[in-house]
Amino acid sequence: MSQSPAPHAHQSPGRPFTGRERIVLLVLCGAIFLEGIDIAMLNVALPSIRADLGLSTGSLQWVMSAYVLGYGGFMLLGGRAADLFGRRRMFVLWLSVFLVFSGLGGLATEGWMLIVARFVTGIAAAFMTPAGLSIITTGFEEGPRRNKALLFYSGTAAGGFSIGLVVGGLLTQFGWRWVFFAPVVLSAVILVGALTVVPRSQRPDRTGQRVDVAGGVTITAAIVLLVLGVERATHTTSAWTALTVGAGLALLAVFVAVERRAAIPLVRLGILRSGPLVRANASALLLAAGFFGFQFLVVLYLQELRDWSTLQTSFAMLVMGIDAVLSPLLTPRLVNRFGNARVIFGGLLLAALAYALFLPVGADWTYAMMFPSFIAVGIAFSLAYGPLTIVATEGVAEKEQGLAGALLYTSFQFGAAVGLSTVTAVNVAATASSSPSDLLDGYRAALWVPLAAALVAVLVSAFGLRGRRSVLVTSGAPATGDGAPVLEGVHRTR
């Protein structure tokens, strides 16, 4: 992660956002907020869904796994589609699909209906999310103004997940179907905004370009199998998991071979030669693994051992949502003062400290004893997540911004799946019985997983501190990664 800018060589904050830029940013932030709140609300509503539809534990797991498979499996394809077929076009189309299938999920009367609806909703999010991110990275010139926009965007995403925990608990009191109907209303508002304010552009010129069908099929199948293997690892046999992951890795090798021979590859493998980009994606994967694994264990601890209600648990964890406030207010100043690499490193170090503080958790801990970990996790996420988004897209050619965003979100989603499955496996293995003392032993053992993920992330990000320091030039017409000038303000996006 390159050091940008050097300490004491501050970047100019650039021009303030225009009214139109603010509205466009608000619409795009609304979409990522929608994605975050949708996932969080469903997590809270799962027990009510199981009771109403009579689902087994295995079927209930598929309600979550189906979304993860669709989201993680199709993300790279979605990012490339935004670059090839138009960012605005893909954003609007798949936001509409998200709206429709979220509503259908709320109308489901059988488990399989809900699972299918969640799978398609995940696919819609996989196409919609990188398209929205690439509209920002191509619509705001690289430098302080884009960084500020991305930090607002990442803060909104984090806020959606935190707020969704509480909103989901409230809506579930009126019936779990409202957890699906509420996103329909929000999607409709965002869709109207997107059609109204996000600028149109000419259809991308694809003369002489062919869609890499073989690459798209192999990478999608590979990621689906890898995510499936990780997601279902604690619910099936080790042989099945090994077979699934092995098949995924084999298809990944086939994909690399296909891309090396393709005239116009789906994923230009050269993009992975960028050290900052690779470190940002690796750090994002580990950040997500620790963050979601820790939240999952906290929920189990509060509800299983302490017998807290869903709403009590949601409000207790709401403090983690401080990242939604700090990301747009504090993080930009720290990035401007110390650079992305140092802020990321500090955030990951703080995450490790937060998880370490929770290791000795007791059966009778007061909320005041838990609070330091909760607040530290929220601050850590605000410091790391936004700057990682900046580094993962910085210096990438405009024509590959969708791909860069998709790589980042694939890493994040896969990391979440790895973290959840790993803490579950360790927790189950370390829990001898359902007695309070044994449950506590299981939680304590599993809490080492988020700590280990954070420490490895700290190590990875430390290599970025050694990069050359650079100062971004913000005057005139800055250039994109392929040398083309960026238009001032929100230019016409694809």
Protein backbone atom coordinates (compact mmCIF):
# COMPACT_ATOMS: atom_id res chain seq x y z
CA MET A 1 0.00 0.00 0.00
CA SER A 2 1.82 3.05 -1.21
CA GLN A 3 2.37 5.89 1.20
CA SER A 4 0.25 8.71 -0.14
CA PRO A 5 0.92 11.41 0.74
CA ALA A 6 4.10 11.78 2.76
CA PRO A 7 3.75 13.16 6.24
CA HIS A 8 3.95 16.95 6.32
CA ALA A 9 3.24 17.07 2.58
CA HIS A 10 -0.48 17.49 2.92
CA GLN A 11 -2.85 17.09 0.03
CA SER A 12 -5.10 19.97 -0.77
CA PRO A 13 -8.68 19.09 0.13
CA GLY A 14 -9.66 20.09 -3.41
CA ARG A 15 -12.87 21.76 -4.49
CA PRO A 16 -15.96 21.17 -2.36
CA PHE A 17 -18.52 18.80 -3.86
CA THR A 18 -21.11 20.45 -6.05
CA GLY A 19 -24.80 20.01 -5.34
CA ARG A 20 -25.11 17.47 -8.17
CA GLU A 21 -22.10 15.53 -6.96
CA ARG A 22 -23.58 15.32 -3.49
CA ILE A 23 -26.86 13.96 -4.82
CA VAL A 24 -25.12 11.37 -7.00
CA LEU A 25 -22.98 10.30 -4.05
CA LEU A 26 -26.07 10.10 -1.84
CA VAL A 27 -27.79 7.76 -4.33
CA LEU A 28 -24.75 5.48 -4.60
CA CYS A 29 -24.27 5.46 -0.83
CA GLY A 30 -27.95 4.54 -0.53
CA ALA A 31 -27.31 1.43 -2.63
CA ILE A 32 -24.39 0.18 -0.53
CA PHE A 33 -26.37 1.01 2.63
CA LEU A 34 -29.19 -1.11 1.20
CA GLU A 35 -26.84 -4.03 0.67
CA GLY A 36 -25.51 -3.81 4.24
CA ILE A 37 -28.86 -3.39 5.96
CA ASP A 38 -30.38 -6.23 3.93
CA ILE A 39 -27.80 -8.74 5.21
CA ALA A 40 -27.94 -7.54 8.81
CA MET A 41 -31.73 -7.59 9.04
CA LEU A 42 -31.91 -11.13 7.71
CA ASN A 43 -29.40 -12.35 10.32
CA VAL A 44 -31.69 -11.12 13.09
CA ALA A 45 -34.85 -12.58 11.50
CA LEU A 46 -33.58 -16.14 10.90
CA PRO A 47 -35.14 -17.72 14.04
CA SER A 48 -38.57 -16.29 13.16
CA ILE A 49 -38.26 -17.50 9.56
CA ARG A 50 -37.42 -21.03 10.72
CA ALA A 51 -40.41 -21.11 13.08
CA ASP A 52 -42.90 -19.81 10.50
CA LEU A 53 -41.78 -21.87 7.49
CA GLY A 54 -40.85 -24.97 9.50
CA LEU A 55 -37.28 -25.06 8.18
CA SER A 56 -34.65 -27.48 9.41
CA THR A 57 -31.30 -26.13 10.58
CA GLY A 58 -29.75 -27.19 7.28
CA SER A 59 -32.40 -25.45 5.21
CA LEU A 60 -32.12 -22.32 7.33
CA GLN A 61 -28.38 -22.25 6.69
CA TRP A 62 -29.11 -22.28 2.96
CA VAL A 63 -31.13 -19.08 3.31
CA MET A 64 -27.85 -17.36 4.18
CA SER A 65 -25.57 -19.51 2.02
CA ALA A 66 -27.63 -18.91 -1.11
CA TYR A 67 -27.08 -15.16 -0.88
CA VAL A 68 -23.36 -15.59 -0.17
CA LEU A 69 -22.99 -17.92 -3.16
CA GLY A 70 -24.73 -15.53 -5.51
CA TYR A 71 -22.89 -12.48 -4.18
CA GLY A 72 -19.40 -13.94 -3.93
CA GLY A 73 -19.63 -16.21 -6.97
CA PHE A 74 -20.75 -13.61 -9.51
CA MET A 75 -18.86 -10.56 -8.22
CA LEU A 76 -15.95 -10.67 -10.68
CA LEU A 77 -18.34 -11.22 -13.57
CA GLY A 78 -20.43 -8.31 -12.31
CA GLY A 79 -17.44 -6.00 -12.08
CA ARG A 80 -16.32 -6.77 -15.61
CA ALA A 81 -19.87 -6.39 -16.91
CA ALA A 82 -19.92 -2.83 -15.53
CA ASP A 83 -16.75 -2.03 -17.50
CA LEU A 84 -18.02 -3.65 -20.71
CA PHE A 85 -21.73 -2.82 -20.81
CA GLY A 86 -21.90 0.45 -18.93
CA ARG A 87 -21.74 1.23 -15.23
CA ARG A 88 -24.98 3.17 -14.95
CA ARG A 89 -26.81 0.61 -17.09
CA MET A 90 -25.68 -2.31 -14.94
CA PHE A 91 -26.36 -0.42 -11.71
CA VAL A 92 -29.95 0.44 -12.64
CA LEU A 93 -30.74 -2.98 -14.15
CA TRP A 94 -29.51 -5.04 -11.22
CA LEU A 95 -30.91 -2.66 -8.61
CA SER A 96 -34.28 -3.38 -10.23
CA VAL A 97 -33.65 -7.14 -9.98
CA PHE A 98 -32.65 -6.69 -6.32
CA LEU A 99 -35.93 -4.87 -5.67
CA VAL A 100 -38.10 -7.53 -7.32
CA PHE A 101 -36.51 -10.57 -5.69
CA SER A 102 -36.33 -8.98 -2.27
CA GLY A 103 -40.10 -8.57 -2.51
CA LEU A 104 -40.52 -12.16 -3.70
CA GLY A 105 -38.53 -13.33 -0.68
CA GLY A 106 -41.05 -11.62 1.56
CA LEU A 107 -43.89 -13.44 -0.21
CA ALA A 108 -42.27 -16.90 0.05
CA THR A 109 -44.45 -19.64 1.54
CA GLU A 110 -41.91 -22.47 1.19
CA GLY A 111 -38.28 -22.70 2.14
CA TRP A 112 -37.11 -23.36 -1.43
CA MET A 113 -38.85 -20.20 -2.65
CA LEU A 114 -36.96 -18.09 -0.13
CA ILE A 115 -33.65 -19.79 -0.95
CA VAL A 116 -34.07 -19.14 -4.70
CA ALA A 117 -35.05 -15.53 -4.03
CA ARG A 118 -31.98 -15.01 -1.85
CA PHE A 119 -29.68 -16.55 -4.47
CA VAL A 120 -30.92 -14.21 -7.20
CA THR A 121 -30.78 -11.26 -4.79
CA GLY A 122 -27.14 -12.12 -4.12
CA ILE A 123 -26.41 -12.21 -7.86
CA ALA A 124 -28.10 -8.81 -8.24
CA ALA A 125 -25.92 -7.38 -5.46
CA ALA A 126 -22.83 -8.86 -7.16
CA PHE A 127 -23.54 -6.85 -10.32
CA MET A 128 -24.93 -3.74 -8.62
CA THR A 129 -22.19 -3.16 -6.01
CA PRO A 130 -19.06 -2.97 -8.23
CA ALA A 131 -21.01 -0.89 -10.75
CA GLY A 132 -21.89 1.64 -8.04
CA LEU A 133 -18.32 1.76 -6.71
CA SER A 134 -16.87 2.25 -10.21
CA ILE A 135 -19.27 5.16 -10.87
CA ILE A 136 -17.63 6.90 -7.91
CA THR A 137 -14.05 6.02 -8.87
CA THR A 138 -14.57 7.22 -12.44
CA GLY A 139 -16.80 10.18 -11.55
CA PHE A 140 -14.50 11.83 -8.98
CA GLU A 141 -10.94 12.67 -9.99
CA GLU A 142 -8.27 10.60 -8.28
CA GLY A 143 -6.90 12.29 -5.19
CA PRO A 144 -8.42 13.94 -2.11
CA ARG A 145 -11.89 14.41 -3.64
CA ARG A 146 -12.22 10.77 -4.66
CA ASN A 147 -10.79 9.67 -1.32
CA LYS A 148 -13.37 11.76 0.51
CA ALA A 149 -16.18 10.28 -1.62
CA LEU A 150 -14.94 6.72 -1.01
CA LEU A 151 -14.71 7.27 2.73
CA PHE A 152 -18.30 8.51 2.80
CA TYR A 153 -19.25 5.46 0.74
CA SER A 154 -17.45 2.94 2.96
CA GLY A 155 -18.82 4.56 6.10
CA THR A 156 -22.34 4.22 4.75
CA ALA A 157 -21.75 0.53 4.02
CA ALA A 158 -20.60 -0.10 7.57
CA GLY A 159 -23.47 1.94 8.96
CA GLY A 160 -25.97 -0.15 7.00
CA PHE A 161 -24.81 -3.32 8.69
CA SER A 162 -24.82 -1.80 12.17
CA ILE A 163 -28.19 -0.08 11.81
CA GLY A 164 -29.63 -3.19 10.18
CA LEU A 165 -29.09 -5.17 13.38
CA VAL A 166 -31.43 -2.84 15.27
CA VAL A 167 -33.92 -2.23 12.46
CA GLY A 168 -34.13 -5.97 11.82
CA GLY A 169 -34.91 -6.60 15.45
CA LEU A 170 -37.66 -3.97 15.40
CA LEU A 171 -39.22 -5.16 12.14
CA THR A 172 -39.17 -8.79 13.21
CA GLN A 173 -41.46 -7.82 16.08
CA PHE A 174 -44.13 -7.11 13.42
CA GLY A 175 -43.27 -10.17 11.30
CA TRP A 176 -40.17 -11.43 9.51
CA ARG A 177 -41.60 -10.61 6.06
CA TRP A 178 -41.07 -6.90 6.75
CA VAL A 179 -37.33 -7.60 6.70
CA PHE A 180 -37.76 -8.23 2.95
CA PHE A 181 -40.43 -5.63 2.23
CA ALA A 182 -38.49 -2.73 3.80
CA PRO A 183 -35.59 -3.06 1.29
CA VAL A 184 -38.17 -2.98 -1.52
CA VAL A 185 -39.25 0.51 -0.46
CA LEU A 186 -35.64 1.70 -0.06
CA SER A 187 -34.66 0.14 -3.42
CA ALA A 188 -37.50 1.97 -5.17
CA VAL A 189 -36.37 5.33 -3.77
CA ILE A 190 -32.75 4.68 -4.80
CA LEU A 191 -33.84 3.50 -8.26
CA VAL A 192 -35.78 6.72 -8.88
CA GLY A 193 -32.75 8.70 -7.74
CA ALA A 194 -30.39 6.74 -9.99
CA LEU A 195 -32.60 7.21 -13.05
CA THR A 196 -32.86 10.92 -12.29
CA VAL A 197 -29.37 12.07 -11.29
CA VAL A 198 -26.72 9.53 -12.34
CA PRO A 199 -25.46 10.86 -15.71
CA ARG A 200 -25.96 8.83 -18.86
CA SER A 201 -23.18 8.10 -21.29
CA GLN A 202 -22.72 6.56 -24.68
CA ARG A 203 -22.60 2.79 -24.88
CA PRO A 204 -18.99 1.62 -24.34
CA ASP A 205 -17.16 0.93 -27.58
CA ARG A 206 -16.62 -2.82 -27.76
CA THR A 207 -15.48 -2.89 -31.38
CA GLY A 208 -13.27 -5.92 -31.87
CA GLN A 209 -13.91 -7.05 -28.32
CA ARG A 210 -15.54 -10.34 -27.46
CA VAL A 211 -17.01 -11.30 -24.15
CA ASP A 212 -14.75 -13.86 -22.49
CA VAL A 213 -17.42 -16.52 -21.99
CA ALA A 214 -14.97 -19.28 -21.05
CA GLY A 215 -13.32 -17.05 -18.47
CA GLY A 216 -16.66 -15.95 -17.06
CA VAL A 217 -17.95 -19.50 -16.69
CA THR A 218 -14.77 -20.91 -15.12
CA ILE A 219 -14.14 -18.09 -12.62
CA THR A 220 -17.80 -17.97 -11.54
CA ALA A 221 -17.92 -21.75 -11.08
CA ALA A 222 -14.59 -21.70 -9.24
CA ILE A 223 -15.62 -18.99 -6.77
CA VAL A 224 -19.06 -20.55 -6.22
CA LEU A 225 -17.42 -23.88 -5.34
CA LEU A 226 -14.81 -22.26 -3.09
CA VAL A 227 -17.39 -20.19 -1.23
CA LEU A 228 -19.72 -23.19 -1.02
CA GLY A 229 -16.97 -25.37 0.40
CA VAL A 230 -16.02 -22.80 3.04
CA GLU A 231 -19.59 -21.78 3.86
CA ARG A 232 -20.80 -25.38 4.34
CA ALA A 233 -17.63 -26.71 6.02
CA THR A 234 -19.22 -26.92 9.46
CA HIS A 235 -22.44 -28.51 8.16
CA THR A 236 -21.11 -31.42 6.16
CA THR A 237 -18.32 -34.02 6.08
CA SER A 238 -14.66 -33.13 5.70
CA ALA A 239 -14.48 -35.30 2.57
CA TRP A 240 -17.27 -33.30 0.91
CA THR A 241 -15.57 -30.04 1.87
CA ALA A 242 -12.21 -31.19 0.52
CA LEU A 243 -13.82 -32.34 -2.74
CA THR A 244 -15.69 -29.06 -3.20
CA VAL A 245 -12.71 -26.84 -2.41
CA GLY A 246 -10.46 -29.03 -4.56
CA ALA A 247 -12.81 -28.71 -7.52
CA GLY A 248 -12.91 -24.96 -6.99
CA LEU A 249 -9.12 -24.70 -6.98
CA ALA A 250 -8.91 -26.88 -10.12
CA LEU A 251 -11.35 -24.59 -11.92
CA LEU A 252 -9.35 -21.59 -10.72
CA ALA A 253 -6.26 -23.08 -12.37
CA VAL A 254 -8.27 -23.63 -15.56
CA PHE A 255 -9.41 -20.01 -15.41
CA VAL A 256 -5.81 -18.76 -15.19
CA ALA A 257 -4.88 -20.88 -18.22
CA VAL A 258 -7.89 -19.56 -20.16
CA GLU A 259 -7.08 -15.94 -19.31
CA ARG A 260 -3.45 -16.29 -20.38
CA ARG A 261 -4.57 -17.34 -23.86
CA ALA A 262 -7.58 -15.06 -24.22
CA ALA A 263 -7.15 -12.13 -26.60
CA ILE A 264 -9.40 -9.99 -24.40
CA PRO A 265 -9.51 -11.66 -20.97
CA LEU A 266 -12.28 -11.24 -18.46
CA VAL A 267 -9.65 -10.51 -15.80
CA ARG A 268 -6.36 -9.08 -16.98
CA LEU A 269 -3.95 -11.05 -14.82
CA GLY A 270 -1.44 -8.20 -14.99
CA ILE A 271 -3.61 -6.22 -12.59
CA LEU A 272 -2.50 -8.64 -9.89
CA ARG A 273 1.12 -7.52 -10.31
CA SER A 274 0.31 -4.40 -8.34
CA GLY A 275 1.69 -4.87 -4.82
CA PRO A 276 -0.61 -2.28 -3.21
CA LEU A 277 -3.70 -3.80 -4.85
CA VAL A 278 -2.80 -7.34 -3.76
CA ARG A 279 -2.02 -6.21 -0.21
CA ALA A 280 -5.27 -4.26 -0.03
CA ASN A 281 -7.30 -7.29 -1.11
CA ALA A 282 -5.48 -9.64 1.25
CA SER A 283 -5.95 -7.21 4.13
CA ALA A 284 -9.63 -6.77 3.27
CA LEU A 285 -10.14 -10.55 3.30
CA LEU A 286 -8.51 -10.85 6.73
CA LEU A 287 -10.32 -7.77 8.08
CA ALA A 288 -13.68 -9.25 7.07
CA ALA A 289 -12.79 -12.68 8.48
CA GLY A 290 -12.00 -11.21 11.88
CA PHE A 291 -14.80 -8.64 11.96
CA PHE A 292 -17.67 -10.96 11.02
CA GLY A 293 -16.28 -13.88 13.00
CA PHE A 294 -16.08 -11.71 16.13
CA GLN A 295 -19.61 -10.34 15.69
CA PHE A 296 -20.96 -13.87 15.26
CA LEU A 297 -19.31 -15.07 18.47
CA VAL A 298 -20.56 -12.04 20.40
CA VAL A 299 -24.14 -12.77 19.27
CA LEU A 300 -23.80 -16.40 20.42
CA TYR A 301 -22.32 -15.34 23.75
CA LEU A 302 -25.03 -12.77 24.49
CA GLN A 303 -28.01 -14.84 23.34
CA GLU A 304 -26.99 -18.42 24.17
CA LEU A 305 -25.04 -17.91 27.37
CA ARG A 306 -26.41 -14.64 28.72
CA ASP A 307 -29.97 -15.16 27.40
CA TRP A 308 -30.24 -11.63 26.00
CA SER A 309 -33.06 -10.91 23.56
CA THR A 310 -32.44 -10.16 19.90
CA LEU A 311 -33.22 -6.50 20.45
CA GLN A 312 -30.96 -6.26 23.51
CA THR A 313 -28.12 -7.84 21.52
CA SER A 314 -28.68 -5.46 18.61
CA PHE A 315 -28.56 -2.37 20.80
CA ALA A 316 -25.49 -3.67 22.66
CA MET A 317 -23.58 -4.04 19.37
CA LEU A 318 -24.84 -0.77 17.91
CA VAL A 319 -21.78 1.05 19.24
CA MET A 320 -19.74 -0.75 16.57
CA GLY A 321 -21.61 1.45 14.12
CA ILE A 322 -19.45 4.38 15.17
CA ASP A 323 -17.50 3.66 11.99
CA ALA A 324 -20.38 5.20 10.02
CA VAL A 325 -19.65 8.52 11.78
CA LEU A 326 -15.87 8.36 11.89
CA SER A 327 -15.30 7.19 8.29
CA PRO A 328 -16.40 10.47 6.67
CA LEU A 329 -15.29 12.79 9.51
CA LEU A 330 -12.08 11.54 11.12
CA THR A 331 -10.56 9.10 8.62
CA PRO A 332 -10.11 11.65 5.77
CA ARG A 333 -8.06 13.88 8.08
CA LEU A 334 -5.89 10.98 9.19
CA VAL A 335 -5.36 9.83 5.60
CA ASN A 336 -4.42 13.37 4.58
CA ARG A 337 -1.99 13.62 7.48
CA PHE A 338 -0.39 10.17 7.57
CA GLY A 339 -1.30 8.45 4.28
CA ASN A 340 -3.42 5.38 3.57
CA ALA A 341 -0.82 2.78 4.52
CA ARG A 342 -0.25 4.07 8.05
CA VAL A 343 -3.95 4.55 8.74
CA ILE A 344 -4.71 1.00 7.53
CA PHE A 345 -1.89 -0.39 9.66
CA GLY A 346 -3.16 1.48 12.73
CA GLY A 347 -6.72 0.29 12.15
CA LEU A 348 -5.72 -3.35 11.86
CA LEU A 349 -3.51 -3.07 14.95
CA LEU A 350 -6.45 -1.62 16.88
CA ALA A 351 -8.66 -4.50 15.67
CA ALA A 352 -6.15 -7.00 17.04
CA LEU A 353 -6.17 -5.17 20.37
CA ALA A 354 -9.99 -5.19 20.47
CA TYR A 355 -10.15 -8.96 19.93
CA ALA A 356 -7.39 -9.58 22.49
CA LEU A 357 -9.30 -7.58 25.11
CA PHE A 358 -12.30 -9.89 24.68
CA LEU A 359 -10.35 -13.16 25.03
CA PRO A 360 -10.83 -13.51 28.82
CA VAL A 361 -14.62 -12.95 28.56
CA GLY A 362 -16.46 -14.29 31.59
CA ALA A 363 -19.95 -15.65 32.16
CA ASP A 364 -20.93 -12.60 34.19
CA TRP A 365 -19.20 -9.77 32.32
CA THR A 366 -21.02 -6.44 32.54
CA TYR A 367 -21.63 -4.38 29.43
CA ALA A 368 -18.99 -1.92 30.66
CA MET A 369 -16.42 -4.74 30.45
CA MET A 370 -17.42 -5.55 26.86
CA PHE A 371 -17.64 -1.92 25.73
CA PRO A 372 -13.88 -1.33 25.13
CA SER A 373 -13.76 -4.17 22.59
CA PHE A 374 -16.96 -3.06 20.87
CA ILE A 375 -15.91 0.58 20.50
CA ALA A 376 -12.38 -0.38 19.45
CA VAL A 377 -13.71 -2.70 16.73
CA GLY A 378 -15.89 0.10 15.35
CA ILE A 379 -13.00 2.58 15.30
CA ALA A 380 -10.67 0.00 13.76
CA PHE A 381 -13.11 -0.74 10.97
CA SER A 382 -13.50 2.97 10.22
CA LEU A 383 -9.73 3.36 9.96
CA ALA A 384 -9.09 0.34 7.74
CA TYR A 385 -12.10 -0.23 5.48
CA GLY A 386 -12.27 3.10 3.66
CA PRO A 387 -8.52 3.45 3.01
CA LEU A 388 -8.41 -0.15 1.78
CA THR A 389 -11.09 0.78 -0.76
CA ILE A 390 -8.97 3.74 -1.87
CA VAL A 391 -5.78 1.68 -2.26
CA ALA A 392 -7.59 -1.17 -4.08
CA THR A 393 -8.83 1.23 -6.79
CA GLU A 394 -6.07 3.86 -6.84
CA GLY A 395 -4.02 4.07 -10.02
CA VAL A 396 -6.23 1.54 -11.86
CA ALA A 397 -7.21 2.47 -15.43
CA GLU A 398 -10.75 3.76 -15.79
CA LYS A 399 -11.68 0.87 -18.06
CA GLU A 400 -10.84 -1.59 -15.24
CA GLN A 401 -12.39 0.21 -12.26
CA GLY A 402 -15.33 -2.21 -12.20
CA LEU A 403 -12.90 -5.12 -12.08
CA ALA A 404 -10.87 -3.52 -9.28
CA GLY A 405 -14.01 -2.97 -7.21
CA ALA A 406 -15.15 -6.53 -7.84
CA LEU A 407 -11.80 -7.93 -6.69
CA LEU A 408 -12.08 -5.98 -3.45
CA TYR A 409 -15.67 -7.04 -2.71
CA THR A 410 -14.92 -10.65 -3.64
CA SER A 411 -12.05 -10.63 -1.14
CA PHE A 412 -14.27 -9.08 1.50
CA GLN A 413 -17.14 -11.51 0.94
CA PHE A 414 -14.87 -14.55 0.81
CA GLY A 415 -13.14 -13.36 3.97
CA ALA A 416 -16.48 -13.10 5.76
CA ALA A 417 -17.34 -16.67 4.72
CA VAL A 418 -13.95 -17.96 5.86
CA GLY A 419 -14.19 -16.14 9.19
CA LEU A 420 -17.69 -17.37 9.97
CA SER A 421 -17.00 -20.98 9.05
CA THR A 422 -13.69 -21.06 10.94
CA VAL A 423 -15.02 -19.62 14.20
CA THR A 424 -17.99 -21.98 13.96
CA ALA A 425 -15.74 -25.00 13.46
CA VAL A 426 -13.46 -24.06 16.38
CA ASN A 427 -16.42 -23.23 18.60
CA VAL A 428 -18.10 -26.58 17.92
CA ALA A 429 -14.88 -28.54 18.39
CA ALA A 430 -14.08 -26.80 21.70
CA THR A 431 -17.57 -27.09 23.20
CA ALA A 432 -17.93 -30.37 25.08
CA SER A 433 -21.54 -29.88 26.20
CA SER A 434 -24.28 -27.28 26.50
CA SER A 435 -23.35 -26.36 30.06
CA PRO A 436 -22.50 -22.68 30.65
CA SER A 437 -18.85 -23.43 31.44
CA ASP A 438 -18.39 -25.53 28.30
CA LEU A 439 -20.15 -22.94 26.14
CA LEU A 440 -17.79 -20.30 27.50
CA ASP A 441 -14.77 -22.50 26.75
CA GLY A 442 -15.97 -22.80 23.16
CA TYR A 443 -16.34 -19.04 22.74
CA ARG A 444 -12.92 -18.36 24.24
CA ALA A 445 -11.25 -20.86 21.91
CA ALA A 446 -13.01 -19.47 18.82
CA LEU A 447 -12.11 -15.87 19.74
CA TRP A 448 -8.51 -16.66 18.84
CA VAL A 449 -9.58 -16.87 15.18
CA PRO A 450 -10.43 -13.14 14.77
CA LEU A 451 -7.27 -12.24 16.69
CA ALA A 452 -5.13 -14.42 14.41
CA ALA A 453 -6.76 -12.94 11.30
CA ALA A 454 -6.10 -9.40 12.55
CA LEU A 455 -2.46 -10.14 13.39
CA VAL A 456 -1.82 -11.64 9.94
CA ALA A 457 -3.49 -8.58 8.41
CA VAL A 458 -1.19 -6.32 10.45
CA LEU A 459 1.80 -8.24 9.07
CA VAL A 460 0.56 -7.97 5.48
CA SER A 461 -0.18 -4.26 5.76
CA ALA A 462 3.23 -3.60 7.34
CA PHE A 463 4.86 -4.25 3.96
CA GLY A 464 2.96 -1.25 2.60
CA LEU A 465 4.76 1.04 5.06
CA ARG A 466 7.98 0.44 3.14
CA GLY A 467 6.60 1.79 -0.14
CA ARG A 468 7.83 4.98 -1.72
CA ARG A 469 6.09 8.09 -0.52
CA SER A 470 4.31 10.14 -3.13
CA VAL A 471 2.22 13.27 -3.29
CA LEU A 472 -0.77 13.38 -5.57
CA VAL A 473 -0.96 16.40 -7.82
CA THR A 474 -4.43 17.87 -7.48
CA SER A 475 -4.22 20.89 -9.77
CA GLY A 476 -5.10 20.85 -13.43
CA ALA A 477 -6.61 17.77 -15.02
CA PRO A 478 -5.26 14.68 -13.26
CA ALA A 479 -4.85 11.51 -15.21
CA THR A 480 -6.37 8.09 -14.78
CA GLY A 481 -4.32 4.93 -14.65
CA ASP A 482 -4.30 4.69 -18.45
CA GLY A 483 -3.20 8.28 -18.93
CA ALA A 484 -6.58 9.73 -19.88
CA PRO A 485 -7.53 12.99 -18.17
CA VAL A 486 -10.35 12.88 -15.64
CA LEU A 487 -13.08 15.42 -16.23
CA GLU A 488 -13.78 17.84 -13.42
CA GLY A 489 -16.73 17.02 -11.17
CA VAL A 490 -19.03 14.13 -12.00
CA HIS A 491 -18.34 13.36 -15.62
CA ARG A 492 -20.51 11.18 -17.77
CA THR A 493 -20.27 7.66 -16.41
CA ARG A 494 -20.89 4.44 -18.17
